[in-house]
């Protein structure tokens, strides 16, 4: 059986920097309150006149291709993870295909929120192992800012999220790069972190925007304490699952890149696994939670900073809406 490895990483974040001080002018909050609860100091918001989920993904893709010394035409397939597609349908995968000027290759969209990138990575890995494709573009990209309630009513979620895109290019390899991936879900908690609308299971009148007076169901609802409680447990479980699958221990991890949901969660996991500061990569303080984009953006930055080196063992882990959680172990080459 073939193996897959990551040969290129790229990312893009919008130019507009939104600080905690700026948000303090929109709602009853302050810099200290936000940092204490989330660790976030700033985030990026798109310019609606020029940024889309698809074109941010395209910019991240071009960086990844350049680092991999590949051309756009080398891409055989696209797996696109996002919960904020440019359109309700079609998905952003085909829009990215158009942005890149590719013709007729397949594009698959994945909607697993914060775990989306690892789900997409796992899907691409499986496709390559079967020999169906040789070079797959994996994307995690989101625009959250335009859906946020930037008032005191929405501050618990509005201070958390940001926009951005990350890309990874996987290719077939004789040597194991992606060692294993592990995917889980528990739909009993779906409504603890979700956006209800636009959903299809509504009476006709409730599905027509011109007839909607109450738009609160279009906003993010999050039971923060419930999410935190489950996240710290599931993060630990899924990291251990990956290590045990490969007969490795926490001491073998060279770099843990967790989904950037909350700095407190990352610090809790770091302490539990007794990892030194240089073995955990966090950038949530700069970008906030970019959902499916957070892990590939962080990977790309870590690579650019020289923190991912040949033969390093990289562990990816995520938890989020669904609830879903996932991990991947990668031997860098």
Protein backbone atom coordinates (compact mmCIF):
# COMPACT_ATOMS: atom_id res chain seq x y z
CA UNK A 1 0.00 0.00 0.00
CA UNK A 2 1.14 3.52 -0.79
CA UNK A 3 1.70 6.11 1.89
CA UNK A 4 1.10 9.85 1.88
CA UNK A 5 3.17 12.76 3.09
CA UNK A 6 2.76 16.52 3.24
CA UNK A 7 5.03 18.19 0.73
CA UNK A 8 3.82 21.80 0.97
CA UNK A 9 2.12 24.11 3.48
CA UNK A 10 0.68 27.58 3.00
CA UNK A 11 -1.63 30.07 4.65
CA UNK A 12 -3.34 33.40 4.16
CA UNK A 13 -4.97 35.76 6.65
CA UNK A 14 -6.80 39.00 5.79
CA UNK A 15 -5.01 42.32 6.16
CA UNK A 16 -7.40 43.85 8.68
CA UNK A 17 -6.21 43.39 12.28
CA UNK A 18 -8.98 43.68 14.88
CA UNK A 19 -7.65 44.21 18.39
CA UNK A 20 -9.38 43.62 21.69
CA UNK A 21 -9.42 47.38 22.16
CA UNK A 22 -11.41 47.79 18.93
CA UNK A 23 -13.96 45.22 20.08
CA UNK A 24 -14.19 47.05 23.41
CA UNK A 25 -15.61 50.00 21.50
CA UNK A 26 -18.39 47.82 20.09
CA UNK A 27 -19.46 45.89 23.19
CA UNK A 28 -19.12 45.74 26.95
CA UNK A 29 -15.76 43.99 27.17
CA UNK A 30 -12.07 44.82 27.60
CA UNK A 31 -8.64 43.50 26.73
CA UNK A 32 -8.07 41.85 30.11
CA UNK A 33 -11.45 40.06 30.06
CA UNK A 34 -10.81 38.60 26.60
CA UNK A 35 -7.22 37.51 27.28
CA UNK A 36 -8.11 35.92 30.62
CA UNK A 37 -10.85 33.78 29.07
CA UNK A 38 -9.39 33.02 25.64
CA UNK A 39 -5.77 34.12 25.34
CA UNK A 40 -6.68 36.11 22.21
CA UNK A 41 -5.12 39.54 21.68
CA UNK A 42 -6.21 40.17 18.09
CA UNK A 43 -7.78 38.48 15.10
CA UNK A 44 -8.16 39.10 11.34
CA UNK A 45 -11.41 40.12 9.65
CA UNK A 46 -11.95 40.06 5.91
CA UNK A 47 -12.59 42.97 3.59
CA UNK A 48 -15.93 41.93 2.01
CA UNK A 49 -15.02 43.88 -1.10
CA UNK A 50 -12.12 41.57 -1.94
CA UNK A 51 -11.88 38.51 0.32
CA UNK A 52 -13.80 35.25 -0.14
CA UNK A 53 -13.32 31.81 1.36
CA UNK A 54 -12.26 30.53 -2.06
CA UNK A 55 -9.75 33.25 -2.91
CA UNK A 56 -8.17 33.13 0.55
CA UNK A 57 -7.78 29.38 0.00
CA UNK A 58 -6.23 30.05 -3.41
CA UNK A 59 -3.63 32.38 -1.88
CA UNK A 60 -2.76 29.76 0.75
CA UNK A 61 -2.53 27.18 -2.04
CA UNK A 62 -0.05 29.22 -4.06
CA UNK A 63 2.23 29.48 -1.01
CA UNK A 64 2.02 25.72 -0.48
CA UNK A 65 2.75 25.01 -4.15
CA UNK A 66 5.77 27.31 -4.13
CA UNK A 67 7.19 25.62 -1.04
CA UNK A 68 6.61 22.20 -2.64
CA UNK A 69 8.09 23.23 -6.03
CA UNK A 70 4.87 22.16 -7.73
CA UNK A 71 2.55 23.69 -10.30
CA UNK A 72 -1.20 24.15 -10.02
CA UNK A 73 -1.62 21.56 -12.78
CA UNK A 74 -0.05 18.91 -10.53
CA UNK A 75 -3.14 18.89 -8.28
CA UNK A 76 -5.35 15.82 -8.88
CA UNK A 77 -8.08 16.42 -6.30
CA UNK A 78 -9.30 18.98 -3.74
CA UNK A 79 -10.63 18.33 -0.24
CA UNK A 80 -12.01 21.56 1.21
CA UNK A 81 -12.94 21.86 4.89
CA UNK A 82 -15.15 24.80 5.84
CA UNK A 83 -18.41 25.56 7.66
CA UNK A 84 -18.59 29.03 6.10
CA UNK A 85 -18.73 28.40 2.34
CA UNK A 86 -19.14 31.34 0.02
CA UNK A 87 -22.53 29.98 -1.04
CA UNK A 88 -25.10 27.79 0.73
CA UNK A 89 -24.42 25.57 -2.28
CA UNK A 90 -22.36 24.70 -4.24
CA UNK A 91 -19.46 24.17 -1.86
CA UNK A 92 -16.28 26.21 -1.93
CA UNK A 93 -14.25 23.31 -3.36
CA UNK A 94 -15.48 23.96 -6.89
CA UNK A 95 -15.01 27.71 -6.41
CA UNK A 96 -11.38 27.09 -5.47
CA UNK A 97 -11.02 24.84 -8.51
CA UNK A 98 -12.21 27.79 -10.62
CA UNK A 99 -9.91 30.24 -8.82
CA UNK A 100 -6.92 28.00 -9.56
CA UNK A 101 -7.89 27.54 -13.21
CA UNK A 102 -8.16 23.76 -12.89
CA UNK A 103 -10.48 21.81 -15.16
CA UNK A 104 -12.68 18.84 -14.26
CA UNK A 105 -10.76 17.48 -11.24
CA UNK A 106 -12.90 16.39 -8.30
CA UNK A 107 -13.61 18.68 -5.34
CA UNK A 108 -14.98 17.37 -2.04
CA UNK A 109 -16.37 19.62 0.71
CA UNK A 110 -16.19 18.65 4.39
CA UNK A 111 -18.28 20.31 7.12
CA UNK A 112 -16.78 19.12 10.39
CA UNK A 113 -16.11 22.57 11.86
CA UNK A 114 -13.05 22.71 14.12
CA UNK A 115 -12.11 19.11 13.32
CA UNK A 116 -12.63 19.70 9.62
CA UNK A 117 -9.00 19.94 8.56
CA UNK A 118 -8.03 16.64 10.19
CA UNK A 119 -11.10 14.97 8.68
CA UNK A 120 -10.02 16.37 5.30
CA UNK A 121 -6.42 15.24 5.84
CA UNK A 122 -7.63 11.75 6.73
CA UNK A 123 -9.79 11.62 3.60
CA UNK A 124 -6.91 12.71 1.37
CA UNK A 125 -4.58 10.19 3.03
CA UNK A 126 -7.05 7.38 2.34
CA UNK A 127 -7.49 8.42 -1.31
CA UNK A 128 -3.73 8.42 -1.84
CA UNK A 129 -3.25 5.06 -0.13
CA UNK A 130 -5.71 3.46 -2.55
CA UNK A 131 -3.75 4.85 -5.50
CA UNK A 132 -6.74 6.85 -6.73
CA UNK A 133 -4.88 10.18 -6.63
CA UNK A 134 -1.22 11.18 -6.37
CA UNK A 135 -1.38 14.86 -5.38
CA UNK A 136 -4.23 16.20 -3.26
CA UNK A 137 -4.82 19.74 -2.08
CA UNK A 138 -6.29 19.89 1.45
CA UNK A 139 -7.80 23.18 2.59
CA UNK A 140 -9.16 24.58 5.84
CA UNK A 141 -10.66 28.06 5.42
CA UNK A 142 -13.28 30.18 7.13
CA UNK A 143 -14.95 33.58 7.17
CA UNK A 144 -16.56 33.94 10.60
CA UNK A 145 -16.44 37.71 11.04
CA UNK A 146 -19.44 38.57 8.87
CA UNK A 147 -21.71 36.32 10.96
CA UNK A 148 -20.63 37.56 14.40
CA UNK A 149 -22.95 39.52 16.67
CA UNK A 150 -20.60 42.41 17.46
CA UNK A 151 -22.67 43.64 20.39
CA UNK A 152 -22.65 42.92 24.11
CA UNK A 153 -25.31 40.26 23.50
CA UNK A 154 -22.91 38.28 21.33
CA UNK A 155 -19.61 39.00 23.04
CA UNK A 156 -19.03 35.46 24.35
CA UNK A 157 -18.52 34.23 20.80
CA UNK A 158 -17.73 37.47 18.96
CA UNK A 159 -14.38 37.88 20.71
CA UNK A 160 -13.28 34.36 19.79
CA UNK A 161 -13.48 33.95 16.04
CA UNK A 162 -11.41 35.20 13.12
CA UNK A 163 -10.92 34.63 9.40
CA UNK A 164 -8.19 32.86 7.44
CA UNK A 165 -7.15 29.92 5.27
CA UNK A 166 -4.53 27.19 5.37
CA UNK A 167 -3.42 24.67 2.76
CA UNK A 168 -1.53 21.39 2.75
CA UNK A 169 -0.48 19.39 -0.29
CA UNK A 170 -0.30 15.62 0.10
CA UNK A 171 1.51 13.31 -2.28
CA UNK A 172 2.04 9.60 -2.57
CA UNK A 173 5.24 8.41 -0.94
CA UNK A 174 7.20 5.18 -0.36
CA UNK A 175 7.82 6.31 3.22
CA UNK A 176 5.21 6.94 5.87
CA UNK A 177 4.48 10.60 6.38
CA UNK A 178 0.94 10.48 7.72
CA UNK A 179 1.28 7.65 10.24
CA UNK A 180 -2.38 7.50 11.27
CA UNK A 181 -5.53 9.56 11.69
CA UNK A 182 -8.31 9.10 14.22
CA UNK A 183 -11.84 10.50 13.82
CA UNK A 184 -14.71 10.61 16.32
CA UNK A 185 -18.09 12.25 16.90
CA UNK A 186 -20.93 12.39 19.43
CA UNK A 187 -24.07 14.02 18.06
CA UNK A 188 -25.78 14.07 21.46
CA UNK A 189 -24.10 17.42 22.01
CA UNK A 190 -24.78 18.95 18.58
CA UNK A 191 -26.77 21.88 19.96
CA UNK A 192 -24.10 22.85 22.51
CA UNK A 193 -22.13 24.56 19.73
CA UNK A 194 -24.04 25.29 16.55
CA UNK A 195 -25.66 27.73 14.17
CA UNK A 196 -29.29 26.67 13.68
CA UNK A 197 -30.06 28.44 10.43
CA UNK A 198 -30.29 28.40 7.51
CA UNK A 199 -31.46 24.85 8.08
CA UNK A 200 -33.76 22.80 5.88
CA UNK A 201 -35.91 21.16 8.56
CA UNK A 202 -38.19 24.17 9.02
CA UNK A 203 -41.72 25.09 7.97
CA UNK A 204 -41.81 26.98 4.69
CA UNK A 205 -42.40 30.35 6.36
CA UNK A 206 -39.38 29.95 8.67
CA UNK A 207 -37.05 29.13 5.80
CA UNK A 208 -37.81 32.27 3.80
CA UNK A 209 -35.53 35.13 4.92
CA UNK A 210 -38.03 37.85 3.98
CA UNK A 211 -40.46 36.35 6.51
CA UNK A 212 -37.96 36.04 9.36
CA UNK A 213 -38.18 38.62 12.16
CA UNK A 214 -36.03 36.89 14.76
CA UNK A 215 -32.53 36.33 13.30
CA UNK A 216 -30.96 34.99 16.51
CA UNK A 217 -30.98 31.45 15.12
CA UNK A 218 -28.47 32.54 12.49
CA UNK A 219 -25.89 33.38 15.18
CA UNK A 220 -23.40 31.07 16.86
CA UNK A 221 -24.76 29.47 20.02
CA UNK A 222 -22.10 28.03 22.33
CA UNK A 223 -22.33 26.50 25.77
CA UNK A 224 -18.78 27.48 26.64
CA UNK A 225 -18.42 25.54 29.88
CA UNK A 226 -19.80 22.37 28.27
CA UNK A 227 -17.44 22.72 25.31
CA UNK A 228 -14.41 23.25 27.57
CA UNK A 229 -15.35 20.28 29.78
CA UNK A 230 -15.57 17.90 26.83
CA UNK A 231 -12.65 19.39 24.90
CA UNK A 232 -10.01 18.74 27.55
CA UNK A 233 -11.13 15.12 27.86
CA UNK A 234 -11.43 14.37 24.14
CA UNK A 235 -8.18 16.14 23.23
CA UNK A 236 -6.30 13.92 25.68
CA UNK A 237 -8.05 10.74 24.56
CA UNK A 238 -7.49 11.24 20.86
CA UNK A 239 -3.82 12.20 21.28
CA UNK A 240 -3.22 9.05 23.35
CA UNK A 241 -5.11 6.98 20.77
CA UNK A 242 -2.74 8.16 18.04
CA UNK A 243 0.38 7.53 20.13
CA UNK A 244 -0.72 4.05 21.20
CA UNK A 245 -1.67 3.13 17.63
CA UNK A 246 1.93 3.79 16.60
CA UNK A 247 3.64 2.39 19.73
CA UNK A 248 4.84 5.84 20.72
CA UNK A 249 4.68 7.93 23.90
CA UNK A 250 4.22 11.60 24.69
CA UNK A 251 8.00 11.90 24.94
CA UNK A 252 8.25 11.13 21.21
CA UNK A 253 6.22 14.22 20.25
CA UNK A 254 8.41 16.93 18.72
CA UNK A 255 5.55 19.37 18.11
CA UNK A 256 1.90 19.35 19.10
CA UNK A 257 -0.31 21.60 16.98
CA UNK A 258 -3.76 21.73 18.56
CA UNK A 259 -6.81 23.36 17.07
CA UNK A 260 -6.67 26.99 18.19
CA UNK A 261 -9.95 27.12 20.11
CA UNK A 262 -8.88 28.60 23.42
CA UNK A 263 -5.41 29.10 24.86
CA UNK A 264 -6.60 27.72 28.20
CA UNK A 265 -7.47 24.40 26.55
CA UNK A 266 -4.07 24.19 24.83
CA UNK A 267 -2.29 24.99 28.09
CA UNK A 268 -4.30 22.37 29.95
CA UNK A 269 -3.30 19.71 27.40
CA UNK A 270 0.33 20.87 27.43
CA UNK A 271 0.46 20.52 31.21
CA UNK A 272 -1.25 17.12 31.19
CA UNK A 273 1.23 15.72 28.64
CA UNK A 274 4.16 17.49 30.32
CA UNK A 275 5.28 19.12 27.08
CA UNK A 276 7.81 21.93 27.07
CA UNK A 277 6.80 25.29 25.61
CA UNK A 278 8.81 24.64 22.45
CA UNK A 279 6.83 21.43 21.82
CA UNK A 280 3.44 23.12 21.52
CA UNK A 281 2.59 25.65 18.81
CA UNK A 282 -0.06 28.28 19.50
CA UNK A 283 -1.01 31.30 17.41
CA UNK A 284 -4.52 31.93 18.73
CA UNK A 285 -3.29 35.14 20.33
CA UNK A 286 -2.75 36.58 16.82
CA UNK A 287 -5.63 35.08 14.83
CA UNK A 288 -8.35 33.90 17.20
CA UNK A 289 -10.24 30.73 16.37
CA UNK A 290 -10.31 30.25 12.60
CA UNK A 291 -12.20 26.94 12.91
CA UNK A 292 -11.13 24.58 10.08
CA UNK A 293 -8.37 27.02 9.15
CA UNK A 294 -6.63 27.02 12.51
CA UNK A 295 -4.48 23.88 12.26
CA UNK A 296 -3.20 24.40 8.69
CA UNK A 297 -2.47 28.08 9.40
CA UNK A 298 -0.53 27.09 12.52
CA UNK A 299 1.31 24.31 10.68
CA UNK A 300 2.29 26.66 7.89
CA UNK A 301 3.55 29.28 10.33
CA UNK A 302 5.45 26.71 12.38
CA UNK A 303 7.11 25.41 9.22
CA UNK A 304 8.04 28.93 8.13
CA UNK A 305 9.58 29.59 11.54
CA UNK A 306 11.75 26.46 11.28
CA UNK A 307 9.87 24.63 14.04
CA UNK A 308 9.06 21.63 11.84
CA UNK A 309 12.18 19.73 10.85
CA UNK A 310 12.92 16.47 8.99
CA UNK A 311 12.04 13.35 10.98
CA UNK A 312 10.05 15.34 13.55
CA UNK A 313 6.93 13.71 14.95
CA UNK A 314 4.05 16.15 14.55
CA UNK A 315 0.79 15.59 16.40
CA UNK A 316 -2.39 17.37 15.29
CA UNK A 317 -5.48 17.36 17.50
CA UNK A 318 -8.86 19.06 17.31
CA UNK A 319 -12.20 19.24 19.06
CA UNK A 320 -15.30 21.19 18.16
CA UNK A 321 -18.90 21.41 17.04
CA UNK A 322 -20.72 18.14 16.56
CA UNK A 323 -19.19 17.28 18.94
CA UNK A 324 -16.36 15.98 16.75
CA UNK A 325 -12.74 15.35 17.62
CA UNK A 326 -9.76 14.01 15.72
CA UNK A 327 -6.01 13.54 15.71
CA UNK A 328 -3.22 12.79 13.26
CA UNK A 329 0.39 11.75 13.68
CA UNK A 330 2.82 12.84 10.99
CA UNK A 331 6.47 11.92 10.54
CA UNK A 332 7.90 14.91 8.74
CA UNK A 333 10.17 14.27 5.79
